[in-house]
């Protein structure tokens, strides 16, 4: 997966200007509840769109956004979509400041921004992602309780033998503050309890965790399901429940988040069009699952900004 900035130069002329987007209603950022807007079908609109869409934020679903951007730009050659995955906090701060048109986040904006900033943004819930602990290939532990994870990621449990493994120091690879993945993981493990344990390293992006886990013995970290790579490390169970999408849909597996794409209420037409495309059947009906995520429509439960889970 690429965590670097991504861009595409548009070069088609008049014919490109006639290209249409799929399922376009352009409710986008102008609607009062765009997160609940489902695009129907894949009928093309006769309306052309042009401009530049920029984003920053969660690296956990950057690959999904990039894949959707490719398809969107193929259909709309007068639009450029580019961005980076520098963490949910940075993405939300950037979209609130107007330095990007979209802020991608694993967490609700209410948890990162001031109230007056949030009221100027519109939330688009584009997918759900499961997240779970991963351990080095040499670690023999394949299941941890939430209480054991709490002990490890607070620095209270420091040796694998304390949780049924070999006599070896636990190397904790954490994410940096501002990471939505870290916020989701800590909310599931620690609840409202504050934690400032940094571990042996604090990494910027999901890709950095993949790399470090693949070259470090006796380590533990956490990743979203789409970044699991059993050639480099092992994803383990939590409370005896496997980290699988089917177990997330009913909250059997407790560590998960809704993926949000925020934009300003007065966003430009290109940004609105791209976000509408993210909610279309082309993305929700196929691309979301292909990229390792769960369509919002498949969920049997919902989670609010406070972390409360309730049945749909």
C-alpha atoms as a PDB file:
ATOM      1  CA  UNK A   1       0.000   0.000   0.000  1.00  0.00           C
ATOM      2  CA  UNK A   2       1.185   3.473  -0.728  1.00  0.00           C
ATOM      3  CA  UNK A   3       1.333   6.018   2.056  1.00  0.00           C
ATOM      4  CA  UNK A   4       2.987   8.628  -0.108  1.00  0.00           C
ATOM      5  CA  UNK A   5       1.223  11.543  -1.786  1.00  0.00           C
ATOM      6  CA  UNK A   6      -0.596  10.470  -4.914  1.00  0.00           C
ATOM      7  CA  UNK A   7      -1.524  12.620  -7.927  1.00  0.00           C
ATOM      8  CA  UNK A   8      -2.514  12.330 -11.565  1.00  0.00           C
ATOM      9  CA  UNK A   9      -2.096  14.849 -14.376  1.00  0.00           C
ATOM     10  CA  UNK A  10      -5.214  15.304 -16.449  1.00  0.00           C
ATOM     11  CA  UNK A  11      -4.665  15.437 -20.160  1.00  0.00           C
ATOM     12  CA  UNK A  12      -7.886  14.698 -22.008  1.00  0.00           C
ATOM     13  CA  UNK A  13      -9.509  17.716 -23.606  1.00  0.00           C
ATOM     14  CA  UNK A  14     -13.014  18.379 -24.861  1.00  0.00           C
ATOM     15  CA  UNK A  15     -14.010  14.724 -24.921  1.00  0.00           C
ATOM     16  CA  UNK A  16     -12.921  14.420 -21.301  1.00  0.00           C
ATOM     17  CA  UNK A  17     -15.068  17.362 -20.334  1.00  0.00           C
ATOM     18  CA  UNK A  18     -18.112  15.383 -21.410  1.00  0.00           C
ATOM     19  CA  UNK A  19     -17.302  12.438 -19.157  1.00  0.00           C
ATOM     20  CA  UNK A  20     -19.827  11.746 -16.452  1.00  0.00           C
ATOM     21  CA  UNK A  21     -19.628  10.386 -12.931  1.00  0.00           C
ATOM     22  CA  UNK A  22     -21.462   7.411 -11.656  1.00  0.00           C
ATOM     23  CA  UNK A  23     -24.650   7.719  -9.600  1.00  0.00           C
ATOM     24  CA  UNK A  24     -24.265  11.467  -9.223  1.00  0.00           C
ATOM     25  CA  UNK A  25     -26.768  13.273  -7.042  1.00  0.00           C
ATOM     26  CA  UNK A  26     -24.311  15.835  -5.673  1.00  0.00           C
ATOM     27  CA  UNK A  27     -25.891  15.815  -2.269  1.00  0.00           C
ATOM     28  CA  UNK A  28     -22.298  15.512  -1.091  1.00  0.00           C
ATOM     29  CA  UNK A  29     -21.237  18.103   1.412  1.00  0.00           C
ATOM     30  CA  UNK A  30     -24.302  20.245   0.946  1.00  0.00           C
ATOM     31  CA  UNK A  31     -26.677  17.791   2.606  1.00  0.00           C
ATOM     32  CA  UNK A  32     -27.562  17.839   6.276  1.00  0.00           C
ATOM     33  CA  UNK A  33     -26.757  14.134   6.748  1.00  0.00           C
ATOM     34  CA  UNK A  34     -24.610  12.987   3.862  1.00  0.00           C
ATOM     35  CA  UNK A  35     -23.302  10.041   5.882  1.00  0.00           C
ATOM     36  CA  UNK A  36     -26.676   8.326   5.543  1.00  0.00           C
ATOM     37  CA  UNK A  37     -27.059   9.072   1.845  1.00  0.00           C
ATOM     38  CA  UNK A  38     -26.951   5.935  -0.297  1.00  0.00           C
ATOM     39  CA  UNK A  39     -26.342   6.414  -4.012  1.00  0.00           C
ATOM     40  CA  UNK A  40     -28.740   4.294  -6.039  1.00  0.00           C
ATOM     41  CA  UNK A  41     -27.537   2.346  -9.043  1.00  0.00           C
ATOM     42  CA  UNK A  42     -24.744   3.242 -11.410  1.00  0.00           C
ATOM     43  CA  UNK A  43     -26.574   5.395 -13.927  1.00  0.00           C
ATOM     44  CA  UNK A  44     -24.284   8.062 -15.376  1.00  0.00           C
ATOM     45  CA  UNK A  45     -25.225  11.706 -15.148  1.00  0.00           C
ATOM     46  CA  UNK A  46     -24.910  13.969 -18.154  1.00  0.00           C
ATOM     47  CA  UNK A  47     -23.251  16.613 -16.029  1.00  0.00           C
ATOM     48  CA  UNK A  48     -19.515  17.259 -16.384  1.00  0.00           C
ATOM     49  CA  UNK A  49     -17.276  18.123 -13.444  1.00  0.00           C
ATOM     50  CA  UNK A  50     -13.782  19.576 -13.185  1.00  0.00           C
ATOM     51  CA  UNK A  51     -11.424  20.756 -10.490  1.00  0.00           C
ATOM     52  CA  UNK A  52      -8.949  19.555  -7.868  1.00  0.00           C
ATOM     53  CA  UNK A  53      -9.755  17.352  -4.884  1.00  0.00           C
ATOM     54  CA  UNK A  54      -7.160  17.073  -2.119  1.00  0.00           C
ATOM     55  CA  UNK A  55      -7.178  14.952   1.022  1.00  0.00           C
ATOM     56  CA  UNK A  56      -5.136  14.002   4.064  1.00  0.00           C
ATOM     57  CA  UNK A  57      -5.812  11.817   7.079  1.00  0.00           C
ATOM     58  CA  UNK A  58      -6.097   8.184   8.087  1.00  0.00           C
ATOM     59  CA  UNK A  59      -3.544   5.887   6.465  1.00  0.00           C
ATOM     60  CA  UNK A  60      -5.734   2.889   7.336  1.00  0.00           C
ATOM     61  CA  UNK A  61      -8.062   3.428   4.379  1.00  0.00           C
ATOM     62  CA  UNK A  62      -5.870   5.499   2.091  1.00  0.00           C
ATOM     63  CA  UNK A  63      -5.621   2.541  -0.308  1.00  0.00           C
ATOM     64  CA  UNK A  64      -9.422   2.478  -0.612  1.00  0.00           C
ATOM     65  CA  UNK A  65      -9.537   6.205  -1.349  1.00  0.00           C
ATOM     66  CA  UNK A  66      -6.746   5.872  -3.905  1.00  0.00           C
ATOM     67  CA  UNK A  67      -8.489   2.982  -5.679  1.00  0.00           C
ATOM     68  CA  UNK A  68     -11.756   4.942  -5.813  1.00  0.00           C
ATOM     69  CA  UNK A  69      -9.908   8.043  -7.022  1.00  0.00           C
ATOM     70  CA  UNK A  70      -8.471   6.095  -9.955  1.00  0.00           C
ATOM     71  CA  UNK A  71     -11.920   4.994 -11.063  1.00  0.00           C
ATOM     72  CA  UNK A  72     -13.384   8.446 -10.514  1.00  0.00           C
ATOM     73  CA  UNK A  73     -10.664  10.169 -12.522  1.00  0.00           C
ATOM     74  CA  UNK A  74     -11.014   7.641 -15.341  1.00  0.00           C
ATOM     75  CA  UNK A  75     -14.652   8.729 -15.648  1.00  0.00           C
ATOM     76  CA  UNK A  76     -13.855  12.404 -14.983  1.00  0.00           C
ATOM     77  CA  UNK A  77     -10.551  13.292 -16.671  1.00  0.00           C
ATOM     78  CA  UNK A  78     -10.918  17.000 -15.837  1.00  0.00           C
ATOM     79  CA  UNK A  79     -10.703  16.243 -12.109  1.00  0.00           C
ATOM     80  CA  UNK A  80      -7.473  15.612 -10.179  1.00  0.00           C
ATOM     81  CA  UNK A  81      -7.634  13.734  -6.867  1.00  0.00           C
ATOM     82  CA  UNK A  82      -4.476  13.645  -4.743  1.00  0.00           C
ATOM     83  CA  UNK A  83      -3.522  13.268  -1.119  1.00  0.00           C
ATOM     84  CA  UNK A  84      -1.599  11.642   1.713  1.00  0.00           C
ATOM     85  CA  UNK A  85      -2.202   9.517   4.795  1.00  0.00           C
ATOM     86  CA  UNK A  86      -0.647  11.404   7.692  1.00  0.00           C
ATOM     87  CA  UNK A  87      -3.115  10.338  10.387  1.00  0.00           C
ATOM     88  CA  UNK A  88      -6.701  11.157  11.304  1.00  0.00           C
ATOM     89  CA  UNK A  89      -5.785  14.101  13.515  1.00  0.00           C
ATOM     90  CA  UNK A  90      -3.807  15.832  10.789  1.00  0.00           C
ATOM     91  CA  UNK A  91      -6.506  15.160   8.214  1.00  0.00           C
ATOM     92  CA  UNK A  92      -9.248  16.624  10.378  1.00  0.00           C
ATOM     93  CA  UNK A  93      -7.147  19.662  11.266  1.00  0.00           C
ATOM     94  CA  UNK A  94      -6.337  20.219   7.599  1.00  0.00           C
ATOM     95  CA  UNK A  95      -9.921  20.034   6.330  1.00  0.00           C
ATOM     96  CA  UNK A  96     -11.084  22.318   9.147  1.00  0.00           C
ATOM     97  CA  UNK A  97      -8.371  24.828   8.173  1.00  0.00           C
ATOM     98  CA  UNK A  98      -9.222  24.540   4.483  1.00  0.00           C
ATOM     99  CA  UNK A  99      -5.775  23.315   3.400  1.00  0.00           C
ATOM    100  CA  UNK A 100      -7.343  20.157   1.927  1.00  0.00           C
ATOM    101  CA  UNK A 101     -10.874  19.599   0.665  1.00  0.00           C
ATOM    102  CA  UNK A 102     -11.349  16.224   2.399  1.00  0.00           C
ATOM    103  CA  UNK A 103     -10.193  14.964   5.788  1.00  0.00           C
ATOM    104  CA  UNK A 104     -10.117  11.165   6.181  1.00  0.00           C
ATOM    105  CA  UNK A 105     -10.525   9.845   9.696  1.00  0.00           C
ATOM    106  CA  UNK A 106     -10.956   6.638  11.702  1.00  0.00           C
ATOM    107  CA  UNK A 107     -12.658   8.680  14.425  1.00  0.00           C
ATOM    108  CA  UNK A 108     -15.458  11.218  14.651  1.00  0.00           C
ATOM    109  CA  UNK A 109     -14.359  14.824  14.197  1.00  0.00           C
ATOM    110  CA  UNK A 110     -15.927  15.608  17.583  1.00  0.00           C
ATOM    111  CA  UNK A 111     -13.095  13.700  19.269  1.00  0.00           C
ATOM    112  CA  UNK A 112     -10.337  15.795  17.673  1.00  0.00           C
ATOM    113  CA  UNK A 113     -11.699  19.259  16.858  1.00  0.00           C
ATOM    114  CA  UNK A 114     -13.376  22.132  18.623  1.00  0.00           C
ATOM    115  CA  UNK A 115     -17.168  22.407  18.404  1.00  0.00           C
ATOM    116  CA  UNK A 116     -17.073  25.476  16.156  1.00  0.00           C
ATOM    117  CA  UNK A 117     -14.813  23.600  13.723  1.00  0.00           C
ATOM    118  CA  UNK A 118     -17.022  20.509  13.629  1.00  0.00           C
ATOM    119  CA  UNK A 119     -20.191  22.460  12.855  1.00  0.00           C
ATOM    120  CA  UNK A 120     -18.677  23.627   9.561  1.00  0.00           C
ATOM    121  CA  UNK A 121     -17.978  20.068   8.384  1.00  0.00           C
ATOM    122  CA  UNK A 122     -20.127  17.323   6.872  1.00  0.00           C
ATOM    123  CA  UNK A 123     -19.418  13.663   7.645  1.00  0.00           C
ATOM    124  CA  UNK A 124     -19.539  10.892   5.028  1.00  0.00           C
ATOM    125  CA  UNK A 125     -19.337   7.385   6.503  1.00  0.00           C
ATOM    126  CA  UNK A 126     -17.822   5.373   3.666  1.00  0.00           C
ATOM    127  CA  UNK A 127     -16.868   2.040   5.259  1.00  0.00           C
ATOM    128  CA  UNK A 128     -16.216   0.130   8.465  1.00  0.00           C
ATOM    129  CA  UNK A 129     -12.846  -1.322   9.388  1.00  0.00           C
ATOM    130  CA  UNK A 130     -11.820  -3.936  11.905  1.00  0.00           C
ATOM    131  CA  UNK A 131      -8.559  -3.455  13.783  1.00  0.00           C
ATOM    132  CA  UNK A 132      -6.642  -5.921  15.892  1.00  0.00           C
ATOM    133  CA  UNK A 133      -3.355  -6.844  17.561  1.00  0.00           C
ATOM    134  CA  UNK A 134      -0.539  -8.357  15.517  1.00  0.00           C
ATOM    135  CA  UNK A 135       2.540 -10.172  16.825  1.00  0.00           C
ATOM    136  CA  UNK A 136       5.908 -11.194  15.367  1.00  0.00           C
ATOM    137  CA  UNK A 137       6.127 -14.554  13.614  1.00  0.00           C
ATOM    138  CA  UNK A 138       8.249 -15.987  16.455  1.00  0.00           C
ATOM    139  CA  UNK A 139       5.654 -15.179  19.134  1.00  0.00           C
ATOM    140  CA  UNK A 140       3.673 -18.276  20.185  1.00  0.00           C
ATOM    141  CA  UNK A 141       0.705 -16.409  21.704  1.00  0.00           C
ATOM    142  CA  UNK A 142      -2.376 -16.468  19.467  1.00  0.00           C
ATOM    143  CA  UNK A 143      -5.080 -15.062  21.760  1.00  0.00           C
ATOM    144  CA  UNK A 144      -5.113 -12.217  24.276  1.00  0.00           C
ATOM    145  CA  UNK A 145      -7.858 -10.842  26.475  1.00  0.00           C
ATOM    146  CA  UNK A 146      -8.656  -7.147  26.584  1.00  0.00           C
ATOM    147  CA  UNK A 147      -7.235  -7.106  30.097  1.00  0.00           C
ATOM    148  CA  UNK A 148      -3.964  -8.618  28.888  1.00  0.00           C
ATOM    149  CA  UNK A 149      -3.771  -6.096  26.040  1.00  0.00           C
ATOM    150  CA  UNK A 150      -4.364  -3.345  28.581  1.00  0.00           C
ATOM    151  CA  UNK A 151      -1.457  -4.638  30.639  1.00  0.00           C
ATOM    152  CA  UNK A 152       0.872  -4.825  27.643  1.00  0.00           C
ATOM    153  CA  UNK A 153       0.005  -1.418  26.214  1.00  0.00           C
ATOM    154  CA  UNK A 154       0.217   0.278  29.607  1.00  0.00           C
ATOM    155  CA  UNK A 155       3.642  -1.200  30.338  1.00  0.00           C
ATOM    156  CA  UNK A 156       2.422  -3.401  33.202  1.00  0.00           C
ATOM    157  CA  UNK A 157       3.018  -6.683  31.360  1.00  0.00           C
ATOM    158  CA  UNK A 158       6.521  -6.740  29.903  1.00  0.00           C
ATOM    159  CA  UNK A 159       7.382 -10.406  29.230  1.00  0.00           C
ATOM    160  CA  UNK A 160       5.629 -12.856  26.903  1.00  0.00           C
ATOM    161  CA  UNK A 161       5.773 -15.575  29.587  1.00  0.00           C
ATOM    162  CA  UNK A 162       3.231 -13.534  31.586  1.00  0.00           C
ATOM    163  CA  UNK A 163       0.613 -14.209  28.896  1.00  0.00           C
ATOM    164  CA  UNK A 164       1.542 -17.785  28.020  1.00  0.00           C
ATOM    165  CA  UNK A 165       4.457 -17.204  25.681  1.00  0.00           C
ATOM    166  CA  UNK A 166       8.220 -17.662  25.836  1.00  0.00           C
ATOM    167  CA  UNK A 167      10.491 -15.927  28.324  1.00  0.00           C
ATOM    168  CA  UNK A 168      11.230 -12.848  26.209  1.00  0.00           C
ATOM    169  CA  UNK A 169      10.757  -9.110  26.576  1.00  0.00           C
ATOM    170  CA  UNK A 170       7.672  -7.763  24.787  1.00  0.00           C
ATOM    171  CA  UNK A 171       8.596  -5.125  22.202  1.00  0.00           C
ATOM    172  CA  UNK A 172       5.667  -2.716  21.963  1.00  0.00           C
ATOM    173  CA  UNK A 173       5.319  -0.856  18.668  1.00  0.00           C
ATOM    174  CA  UNK A 174       2.757   1.886  19.142  1.00  0.00           C
ATOM    175  CA  UNK A 175       1.264   4.497  16.812  1.00  0.00           C
ATOM    176  CA  UNK A 176       1.859   8.193  17.384  1.00  0.00           C
ATOM    177  CA  UNK A 177      -0.684  10.404  19.108  1.00  0.00           C
ATOM    178  CA  UNK A 178      -3.176  11.696  16.541  1.00  0.00           C
ATOM    179  CA  UNK A 179      -3.537   8.314  14.871  1.00  0.00           C
ATOM    180  CA  UNK A 180      -7.169   7.269  14.497  1.00  0.00           C
ATOM    181  CA  UNK A 181      -6.102   3.623  14.578  1.00  0.00           C
ATOM    182  CA  UNK A 182      -4.445   4.220  17.938  1.00  0.00           C
ATOM    183  CA  UNK A 183      -7.503   6.072  19.236  1.00  0.00           C
ATOM    184  CA  UNK A 184      -9.795   3.219  18.171  1.00  0.00           C
ATOM    185  CA  UNK A 185      -7.534   0.568  19.684  1.00  0.00           C
ATOM    186  CA  UNK A 186      -7.137   2.415  22.978  1.00  0.00           C
ATOM    187  CA  UNK A 187     -10.876   3.124  23.229  1.00  0.00           C
ATOM    188  CA  UNK A 188     -11.609  -0.610  22.922  1.00  0.00           C
ATOM    189  CA  UNK A 189      -8.867  -1.665  25.329  1.00  0.00           C
ATOM    190  CA  UNK A 190      -8.811   1.149  27.900  1.00  0.00           C
ATOM    191  CA  UNK A 191     -12.297   2.654  27.621  1.00  0.00           C
ATOM    192  CA  UNK A 192     -12.289   6.141  29.148  1.00  0.00           C
ATOM    193  CA  UNK A 193      -9.075   5.514  31.060  1.00  0.00           C
ATOM    194  CA  UNK A 194      -6.235   7.834  30.040  1.00  0.00           C
ATOM    195  CA  UNK A 195      -3.024   6.182  28.854  1.00  0.00           C
ATOM    196  CA  UNK A 196       0.277   7.822  27.942  1.00  0.00           C
ATOM    197  CA  UNK A 197       2.452   4.718  27.498  1.00  0.00           C
ATOM    198  CA  UNK A 198       4.548   5.098  24.339  1.00  0.00           C
ATOM    199  CA  UNK A 199       6.110   1.641  24.124  1.00  0.00           C
ATOM    200  CA  UNK A 200       9.447   0.936  22.463  1.00  0.00           C
ATOM    201  CA  UNK A 201       8.614   2.961  19.350  1.00  0.00           C
ATOM    202  CA  UNK A 202       5.854   5.240  18.071  1.00  0.00           C
ATOM    203  CA  UNK A 203       5.257   4.917  14.341  1.00  0.00           C
ATOM    204  CA  UNK A 204       3.619   7.348  11.939  1.00  0.00           C
ATOM    205  CA  UNK A 205       1.628   5.161   9.569  1.00  0.00           C
ATOM    206  CA  UNK A 206       0.119   1.724   9.097  1.00  0.00           C
ATOM    207  CA  UNK A 207       2.747   0.961   6.456  1.00  0.00           C
ATOM    208  CA  UNK A 208       5.473   1.745   8.984  1.00  0.00           C
ATOM    209  CA  UNK A 209       3.947  -0.770  11.404  1.00  0.00           C
ATOM    210  CA  UNK A 210       3.889  -3.417   8.660  1.00  0.00           C
ATOM    211  CA  UNK A 211       7.578  -2.868   7.949  1.00  0.00           C
ATOM    212  CA  UNK A 212       8.700  -2.846  11.577  1.00  0.00           C
ATOM    213  CA  UNK A 213       6.624  -5.880  12.517  1.00  0.00           C
ATOM    214  CA  UNK A 214       8.124  -7.801   9.638  1.00  0.00           C
ATOM    215  CA  UNK A 215      11.670  -7.227  10.880  1.00  0.00           C
ATOM    216  CA  UNK A 216      11.306  -7.305  14.690  1.00  0.00           C
ATOM    217  CA  UNK A 217      11.157 -10.364  16.942  1.00  0.00           C
ATOM    218  CA  UNK A 218       8.943 -10.562  20.057  1.00  0.00           C
ATOM    219  CA  UNK A 219       6.944  -7.492  18.989  1.00  0.00           C
ATOM    220  CA  UNK A 220       3.304  -6.565  19.252  1.00  0.00           C
ATOM    221  CA  UNK A 221       1.351  -3.770  17.605  1.00  0.00           C
ATOM    222  CA  UNK A 222      -2.082  -3.271  16.027  1.00  0.00           C
ATOM    223  CA  UNK A 223      -3.355  -2.719  12.503  1.00  0.00           C
ATOM    224  CA  UNK A 224      -6.567  -2.513  10.550  1.00  0.00           C
ATOM    225  CA  UNK A 225      -7.572  -5.744   8.825  1.00  0.00           C
ATOM    226  CA  UNK A 226      -6.646  -4.436   5.368  1.00  0.00           C
ATOM    227  CA  UNK A 227      -3.000  -4.174   6.504  1.00  0.00           C
ATOM    228  CA  UNK A 228      -2.764  -7.715   7.880  1.00  0.00           C
ATOM    229  CA  UNK A 229       0.052  -9.630   6.175  1.00  0.00           C
ATOM    230  CA  UNK A 230       0.593 -13.175   7.401  1.00  0.00           C
ATOM    231  CA  UNK A 231       3.895 -13.388   5.539  1.00  0.00           C
ATOM    232  CA  UNK A 232       5.346 -10.798   7.934  1.00  0.00           C
ATOM    233  CA  UNK A 233       3.432 -11.211  11.221  1.00  0.00           C
ATOM    234  CA  UNK A 234       0.444 -12.937  12.790  1.00  0.00           C
ATOM    235  CA  UNK A 235      -2.938 -11.404  13.540  1.00  0.00           C
ATOM    236  CA  UNK A 236      -4.255 -12.865  16.801  1.00  0.00           C
ATOM    237  CA  UNK A 237      -7.614 -13.407  18.464  1.00  0.00           C
ATOM    238  CA  UNK A 238      -9.031 -11.151  21.162  1.00  0.00           C
ATOM    239  CA  UNK A 239     -11.137 -12.791  23.885  1.00  0.00           C
ATOM    240  CA  UNK A 240     -11.214 -15.939  21.744  1.00  0.00           C
ATOM    241  CA  UNK A 241     -12.791 -14.137  18.765  1.00  0.00           C
ATOM    242  CA  UNK A 242     -11.056 -14.137  15.395  1.00  0.00           C
ATOM    243  CA  UNK A 243     -10.294 -10.790  13.743  1.00  0.00           C
ATOM    244  CA  UNK A 244     -12.647 -11.224  10.788  1.00  0.00           C
ATOM    245  CA  UNK A 245     -15.088  -8.858   9.130  1.00  0.00           C
ATOM    246  CA  UNK A 246     -18.037 -11.154   9.859  1.00  0.00           C
ATOM    247  CA  UNK A 247     -17.271 -10.856  13.571  1.00  0.00           C
ATOM    248  CA  UNK A 248     -17.196  -7.072  13.346  1.00  0.00           C
ATOM    249  CA  UNK A 249     -20.650  -6.716  11.807  1.00  0.00           C
ATOM    250  CA  UNK A 250     -22.390  -7.738  15.062  1.00  0.00           C
ATOM    251  CA  UNK A 251     -19.725  -6.351  17.437  1.00  0.00           C
ATOM    252  CA  UNK A 252     -18.492  -9.831  18.448  1.00  0.00           C
ATOM    253  CA  UNK A 253     -15.007  -8.521  17.672  1.00  0.00           C
ATOM    254  CA  UNK A 254     -14.830  -5.280  19.633  1.00  0.00           C
ATOM    255  CA  UNK A 255     -12.048  -3.323  17.941  1.00  0.00           C
ATOM    256  CA  UNK A 256     -13.454  -1.511  14.914  1.00  0.00           C
ATOM    257  CA  UNK A 257     -14.194   1.929  13.559  1.00  0.00           C
ATOM    258  CA  UNK A 258     -16.258   3.710  10.964  1.00  0.00           C
ATOM    259  CA  UNK A 259     -14.206   5.345   8.229  1.00  0.00           C
ATOM    260  CA  UNK A 260     -15.171   9.004   7.764  1.00  0.00           C
ATOM    261  CA  UNK A 261     -14.515  11.454   4.957  1.00  0.00           C
ATOM    262  CA  UNK A 262     -15.195  15.027   6.064  1.00  0.00           C
ATOM    263  CA  UNK A 263     -15.522  18.105   3.900  1.00  0.00           C
ATOM    264  CA  UNK A 264     -16.633  21.699   4.387  1.00  0.00           C
ATOM    265  CA  UNK A 265     -20.310  22.533   4.022  1.00  0.00           C
ATOM    266  CA  UNK A 266     -19.417  24.881   1.163  1.00  0.00           C
ATOM    267  CA  UNK A 267     -17.105  22.424  -0.604  1.00  0.00           C
ATOM    268  CA  UNK A 268     -16.561  22.764  -4.351  1.00  0.00           C
ATOM    269  CA  UNK A 269     -18.425  20.662  -6.896  1.00  0.00           C
ATOM    270  CA  UNK A 270     -15.474  18.352  -7.636  1.00  0.00           C
ATOM    271  CA  UNK A 271     -15.171  17.427  -3.960  1.00  0.00           C
ATOM    272  CA  UNK A 272     -18.919  16.879  -3.695  1.00  0.00           C
ATOM    273  CA  UNK A 273     -18.862  14.697  -6.793  1.00  0.00           C
ATOM    274  CA  UNK A 274     -16.006  12.526  -5.521  1.00  0.00           C
ATOM    275  CA  UNK A 275     -17.673  12.011  -2.147  1.00  0.00           C
ATOM    276  CA  UNK A 276     -20.920  11.107  -3.883  1.00  0.00           C
ATOM    277  CA  UNK A 277     -18.953   8.563  -5.896  1.00  0.00           C
ATOM    278  CA  UNK A 278     -17.574   7.092  -2.649  1.00  0.00           C
ATOM    279  CA  UNK A 279     -21.187   6.397  -1.629  1.00  0.00           C
ATOM    280  CA  UNK A 280     -22.193   4.952  -5.005  1.00  0.00           C
ATOM    281  CA  UNK A 281     -22.756   1.280  -5.785  1.00  0.00           C
ATOM    282  CA  UNK A 282     -19.498   1.243  -7.766  1.00  0.00           C
ATOM    283  CA  UNK A 283     -17.596   1.750  -4.521  1.00  0.00           C
ATOM    284  CA  UNK A 284     -19.952   0.445  -1.837  1.00  0.00           C
ATOM    285  CA  UNK A 285     -21.081  -2.607  -3.798  1.00  0.00           C
ATOM    286  CA  UNK A 286     -17.645  -3.807  -4.834  1.00  0.00           C
ATOM    287  CA  UNK A 287     -14.544  -1.753  -4.129  1.00  0.00           C
ATOM    288  CA  UNK A 288     -15.032  -1.506  -0.353  1.00  0.00           C
ATOM    289  CA  UNK A 289     -14.888  -5.267   0.143  1.00  0.00           C
ATOM    290  CA  UNK A 290     -12.159  -5.732  -2.474  1.00  0.00           C
ATOM    291  CA  UNK A 291      -9.975  -3.410  -0.407  1.00  0.00           C
ATOM    292  CA  UNK A 292     -10.625  -5.342   2.814  1.00  0.00           C
ATOM    293  CA  UNK A 293     -13.307  -3.145   4.367  1.00  0.00           C
ATOM    294  CA  UNK A 294     -16.923  -3.650   5.374  1.00  0.00           C
ATOM    295  CA  UNK A 295     -19.780  -1.769   3.678  1.00  0.00           C
ATOM    296  CA  UNK A 296     -21.724   0.334   6.157  1.00  0.00           C
ATOM    297  CA  UNK A 297     -24.885  -1.400   4.901  1.00  0.00           C
ATOM    298  CA  UNK A 298     -23.552  -4.785   6.112  1.00  0.00           C
ATOM    299  CA  UNK A 299     -23.318  -3.648   9.733  1.00  0.00           C
ATOM    300  CA  UNK A 300     -25.912  -4.896  12.240  1.00  0.00           C
ATOM    301  CA  UNK A 301     -24.791  -2.306  14.779  1.00  0.00           C
ATOM    302  CA  UNK A 302     -23.738   1.352  14.786  1.00  0.00           C
ATOM    303  CA  UNK A 303     -21.228   3.244  16.903  1.00  0.00           C
ATOM    304  CA  UNK A 304     -21.653   6.896  17.895  1.00  0.00           C
ATOM    305  CA  UNK A 305     -19.057   9.588  18.625  1.00  0.00           C
ATOM    306  CA  UNK A 306     -18.946   8.576  22.299  1.00  0.00           C
ATOM    307  CA  UNK A 307     -18.136   4.965  21.356  1.00  0.00           C
ATOM    308  CA  UNK A 308     -21.566   3.611  22.306  1.00  0.00           C
ATOM    309  CA  UNK A 309     -22.599   0.631  20.186  1.00  0.00           C
ATOM    310  CA  UNK A 310     -26.281  -0.046  19.512  1.00  0.00           C
ATOM    311  CA  UNK A 311     -28.330  -2.223  17.198  1.00  0.00           C
ATOM    312  CA  UNK A 312     -29.433  -0.700  13.915  1.00  0.00           C
END
